């Protein structure tokens, strides 16, 4: 993690979750991370345990030139890298 925004979001996430794998959805307050939201995305596992974009920020979608919601996260990389991702 080299980006300031990534580090700040990771610290926020860790503060909320404590010793749990993840914080509860109800614990996340978008106002607390408002300056980070433009660079934020949320993934969820589909029925095949594949990571799918549940939400992608407008900035991230602009970088890729398309709406990413519903797309597989590994699809952003070459097929040979999917397993590693």
N, C-alpha and C. Protein backbone atom coordinates (compact mmCIF):
# COMPACT_ATOMS: atom_id res chain seq x y z
N UNK A 1 0.85 -1.18 0.00
CA UNK A 1 0.00 0.00 0.00
C UNK A 1 0.89 1.23 0.00
N UNK A 2 0.82 1.95 -1.09
CA UNK A 2 1.66 3.13 -1.22
C UNK A 2 0.86 4.42 -1.30
N UNK A 3 -0.40 4.32 -1.64
CA UNK A 3 -1.22 5.51 -1.78
C UNK A 3 -1.78 5.94 -0.43
N UNK A 4 -1.74 7.24 -0.17
CA UNK A 4 -2.24 7.77 1.11
C UNK A 4 -3.70 7.38 1.34
N UNK A 5 -4.51 7.45 0.29
CA UNK A 5 -5.94 7.11 0.42
C UNK A 5 -6.13 5.64 0.80
N UNK A 6 -5.33 4.76 0.22
CA UNK A 6 -5.43 3.34 0.52
C UNK A 6 -5.06 3.07 1.97
N UNK A 7 -4.00 3.70 2.42
CA UNK A 7 -3.56 3.53 3.81
C UNK A 7 -4.63 4.04 4.77
N UNK A 8 -5.20 5.22 4.47
CA UNK A 8 -6.23 5.80 5.34
C UNK A 8 -7.47 4.89 5.40
N UNK A 9 -7.88 4.35 4.26
CA UNK A 9 -9.05 3.47 4.24
C UNK A 9 -8.77 2.18 5.01
N UNK A 10 -7.58 1.63 4.85
CA UNK A 10 -7.20 0.41 5.56
C UNK A 10 -7.20 0.66 7.07
N UNK A 11 -6.69 1.79 7.51
CA UNK A 11 -6.68 2.12 8.94
C UNK A 11 -8.10 2.27 9.47
N UNK A 12 -8.97 2.93 8.70
CA UNK A 12 -10.37 3.08 9.10
C UNK A 12 -11.02 1.70 9.25
N UNK A 13 -10.83 0.85 8.25
CA UNK A 13 -11.39 -0.51 8.24
C UNK A 13 -10.91 -1.29 9.47
N UNK A 14 -9.63 -1.25 9.74
CA UNK A 14 -9.07 -1.96 10.89
C UNK A 14 -9.60 -1.44 12.22
N UNK A 15 -9.75 -0.13 12.32
CA UNK A 15 -10.30 0.47 13.54
C UNK A 15 -11.71 -0.05 13.79
N UNK A 16 -12.52 -0.13 12.76
CA UNK A 16 -13.91 -0.58 12.91
C UNK A 16 -14.01 -2.07 13.21
N UNK A 17 -13.21 -2.85 12.56
CA UNK A 17 -13.37 -4.31 12.69
C UNK A 17 -12.79 -4.87 13.97
N UNK A 18 -11.83 -4.18 14.56
CA UNK A 18 -11.19 -4.72 15.75
C UNK A 18 -10.53 -6.04 15.42
N UNK A 19 -10.86 -7.11 16.12
CA UNK A 19 -10.28 -8.43 15.86
C UNK A 19 -11.10 -9.28 14.92
N UNK A 20 -12.19 -8.75 14.39
CA UNK A 20 -13.07 -9.52 13.49
C UNK A 20 -12.53 -9.48 12.06
N UNK A 21 -12.99 -10.40 11.21
CA UNK A 21 -12.54 -10.38 9.81
C UNK A 21 -12.95 -9.09 9.07
N UNK A 22 -14.12 -8.54 9.43
CA UNK A 22 -14.61 -7.33 8.77
C UNK A 22 -15.58 -6.62 9.71
N UNK A 23 -15.73 -5.31 9.53
CA UNK A 23 -16.73 -4.61 10.34
C UNK A 23 -18.13 -4.94 9.82
N UNK A 24 -19.12 -4.69 10.64
CA UNK A 24 -20.50 -4.83 10.19
C UNK A 24 -20.81 -3.71 9.21
N UNK A 25 -21.66 -3.98 8.26
CA UNK A 25 -22.04 -2.97 7.27
C UNK A 25 -22.60 -1.73 7.97
N UNK A 26 -23.34 -1.94 9.04
CA UNK A 26 -23.96 -0.82 9.77
C UNK A 26 -22.94 0.05 10.49
N UNK A 27 -21.73 -0.44 10.67
CA UNK A 27 -20.69 0.33 11.35
C UNK A 27 -19.97 1.30 10.41
N UNK A 28 -20.07 1.09 9.13
CA UNK A 28 -19.37 1.94 8.16
C UNK A 28 -20.18 3.21 7.94
N UNK A 29 -19.55 4.33 8.18
CA UNK A 29 -20.19 5.63 8.04
C UNK A 29 -19.51 6.38 6.89
N UNK A 30 -20.19 6.47 5.72
CA UNK A 30 -19.58 7.14 4.57
C UNK A 30 -19.05 8.55 4.87
N UNK A 31 -19.71 9.27 5.75
CA UNK A 31 -19.24 10.63 6.09
C UNK A 31 -17.85 10.60 6.71
N UNK A 32 -17.50 9.50 7.37
CA UNK A 32 -16.18 9.37 7.99
C UNK A 32 -15.06 9.24 6.97
N UNK A 33 -15.41 8.78 5.78
CA UNK A 33 -14.40 8.56 4.73
C UNK A 33 -14.74 9.31 3.45
N UNK A 34 -15.44 10.44 3.60
CA UNK A 34 -15.93 11.16 2.42
C UNK A 34 -14.85 11.54 1.42
N UNK A 35 -13.65 11.85 1.90
CA UNK A 35 -12.59 12.22 0.96
C UNK A 35 -12.01 11.00 0.24
N UNK A 36 -12.35 9.81 0.70
CA UNK A 36 -11.84 8.57 0.10
C UNK A 36 -12.85 7.90 -0.83
N UNK A 37 -14.09 8.32 -0.80
CA UNK A 37 -15.15 7.62 -1.53
C UNK A 37 -14.94 7.57 -3.04
N UNK A 38 -14.32 8.59 -3.60
CA UNK A 38 -14.11 8.61 -5.06
C UNK A 38 -13.17 7.51 -5.52
N UNK A 39 -12.41 6.93 -4.60
CA UNK A 39 -11.45 5.88 -4.94
C UNK A 39 -11.82 4.53 -4.33
N UNK A 40 -13.06 4.38 -3.89
CA UNK A 40 -13.47 3.20 -3.14
C UNK A 40 -14.29 2.25 -4.00
N UNK A 41 -14.12 0.96 -3.73
CA UNK A 41 -14.98 -0.05 -4.35
C UNK A 41 -15.27 -1.13 -3.32
N UNK A 42 -16.35 -1.86 -3.55
CA UNK A 42 -16.74 -2.97 -2.68
C UNK A 42 -16.90 -4.21 -3.56
N UNK A 43 -16.31 -5.31 -3.11
CA UNK A 43 -16.43 -6.58 -3.81
C UNK A 43 -17.31 -7.52 -3.00
N UNK A 44 -17.97 -8.43 -3.69
CA UNK A 44 -18.71 -9.49 -3.01
C UNK A 44 -18.45 -10.79 -3.74
N UNK A 45 -18.59 -11.89 -3.02
CA UNK A 45 -18.42 -13.20 -3.62
C UNK A 45 -19.73 -13.62 -4.27
N UNK A 46 -19.65 -14.09 -5.51
CA UNK A 46 -20.86 -14.58 -6.16
C UNK A 46 -21.03 -16.05 -5.82
N UNK A 47 -21.94 -16.72 -6.45
CA UNK A 47 -22.23 -18.13 -6.16
C UNK A 47 -21.07 -19.06 -6.44
N UNK A 48 -20.10 -18.60 -7.25
CA UNK A 48 -18.93 -19.42 -7.58
C UNK A 48 -17.70 -18.98 -6.79
N UNK A 49 -17.92 -18.17 -5.76
CA UNK A 49 -16.84 -17.60 -4.95
C UNK A 49 -15.90 -16.73 -5.77
N UNK A 50 -16.45 -16.08 -6.78
CA UNK A 50 -15.67 -15.14 -7.59
C UNK A 50 -15.94 -13.73 -7.06
N UNK A 51 -14.92 -12.90 -7.00
CA UNK A 51 -15.06 -11.53 -6.52
C UNK A 51 -15.68 -10.66 -7.62
N UNK A 52 -16.84 -10.10 -7.30
CA UNK A 52 -17.60 -9.27 -8.24
C UNK A 52 -17.73 -7.86 -7.65
N UNK A 53 -17.63 -6.85 -8.50
CA UNK A 53 -17.83 -5.49 -8.02
C UNK A 53 -19.29 -5.31 -7.59
N UNK A 54 -19.49 -4.99 -6.35
CA UNK A 54 -20.81 -4.65 -5.85
C UNK A 54 -21.04 -3.15 -6.01
N UNK A 55 -19.96 -2.40 -5.84
CA UNK A 55 -19.99 -0.95 -5.98
C UNK A 55 -18.62 -0.51 -6.46
N UNK A 56 -18.59 0.44 -7.38
CA UNK A 56 -17.33 1.01 -7.85
C UNK A 56 -17.53 2.52 -7.99
N UNK A 57 -16.56 3.26 -7.51
CA UNK A 57 -16.66 4.72 -7.53
C UNK A 57 -16.63 5.25 -8.96
N UNK A 58 -17.13 6.47 -9.11
CA UNK A 58 -17.15 7.09 -10.44
C UNK A 58 -15.74 7.27 -10.98
N UNK A 59 -14.78 7.59 -10.12
CA UNK A 59 -13.40 7.77 -10.58
C UNK A 59 -12.83 6.45 -11.10
N UNK A 60 -13.08 5.36 -10.39
CA UNK A 60 -12.58 4.06 -10.83
C UNK A 60 -13.22 3.65 -12.15
N UNK A 61 -14.51 3.86 -12.27
CA UNK A 61 -15.20 3.54 -13.52
C UNK A 61 -14.66 4.40 -14.67
N UNK A 62 -14.35 5.64 -14.39
CA UNK A 62 -13.81 6.54 -15.41
C UNK A 62 -12.44 6.06 -15.88
N UNK A 63 -11.62 5.57 -14.96
CA UNK A 63 -10.29 5.06 -15.33
C UNK A 63 -10.43 3.90 -16.32
N UNK A 64 -11.41 3.02 -16.10
CA UNK A 64 -11.61 1.86 -16.96
C UNK A 64 -12.60 2.12 -18.09
N UNK A 65 -13.19 3.31 -18.11
CA UNK A 65 -14.08 3.69 -19.21
C UNK A 65 -15.37 2.91 -19.28
N UNK A 66 -15.82 2.40 -18.15
CA UNK A 66 -17.08 1.64 -18.12
C UNK A 66 -17.56 1.50 -16.69
N UNK A 67 -18.83 1.18 -16.55
CA UNK A 67 -19.40 0.87 -15.24
C UNK A 67 -18.88 -0.51 -14.84
N UNK A 68 -18.38 -0.63 -13.63
CA UNK A 68 -17.79 -1.89 -13.19
C UNK A 68 -18.73 -2.74 -12.34
N UNK A 69 -19.83 -2.18 -11.87
CA UNK A 69 -20.76 -2.95 -11.03
C UNK A 69 -21.20 -4.20 -11.77
N UNK A 70 -21.06 -5.35 -11.09
CA UNK A 70 -21.45 -6.63 -11.68
C UNK A 70 -20.32 -7.34 -12.42
N UNK A 71 -19.23 -6.65 -12.71
CA UNK A 71 -18.10 -7.27 -13.40
C UNK A 71 -17.21 -8.00 -12.41
N UNK A 72 -16.56 -9.04 -12.90
CA UNK A 72 -15.62 -9.80 -12.07
C UNK A 72 -14.36 -8.96 -11.85
N UNK A 73 -13.92 -8.88 -10.61
CA UNK A 73 -12.72 -8.13 -10.26
C UNK A 73 -11.51 -8.59 -11.07
N UNK A 74 -11.27 -9.90 -11.20
CA UNK A 74 -10.09 -10.33 -11.97
C UNK A 74 -10.14 -9.95 -13.45
N UNK A 75 -11.31 -9.58 -13.96
CA UNK A 75 -11.41 -9.22 -15.38
C UNK A 75 -10.61 -7.96 -15.73
N UNK A 76 -10.14 -7.25 -14.72
CA UNK A 76 -9.32 -6.06 -14.98
C UNK A 76 -7.89 -6.43 -15.34
N UNK A 77 -7.53 -7.70 -15.18
CA UNK A 77 -6.18 -8.17 -15.49
C UNK A 77 -6.21 -9.20 -16.60
N UNK A 78 -5.04 -9.54 -17.11
CA UNK A 78 -4.93 -10.57 -18.14
C UNK A 78 -5.36 -11.92 -17.56
N UNK A 79 -5.88 -12.78 -18.41
CA UNK A 79 -6.41 -14.08 -17.99
C UNK A 79 -5.36 -14.90 -17.23
N UNK A 80 -4.11 -14.82 -17.65
CA UNK A 80 -3.07 -15.63 -16.99
C UNK A 80 -2.82 -15.17 -15.53
N UNK A 81 -3.26 -13.96 -15.20
CA UNK A 81 -3.06 -13.44 -13.84
C UNK A 81 -4.27 -13.64 -12.93
N UNK A 82 -5.39 -14.11 -13.46
CA UNK A 82 -6.63 -14.22 -12.69
C UNK A 82 -6.48 -15.08 -11.44
N UNK A 83 -5.81 -16.20 -11.55
CA UNK A 83 -5.68 -17.09 -10.39
C UNK A 83 -4.92 -16.40 -9.26
N UNK A 84 -3.89 -15.65 -9.61
CA UNK A 84 -3.10 -14.94 -8.61
C UNK A 84 -3.93 -13.83 -7.97
N UNK A 85 -4.75 -13.15 -8.75
CA UNK A 85 -5.58 -12.06 -8.25
C UNK A 85 -6.62 -12.62 -7.31
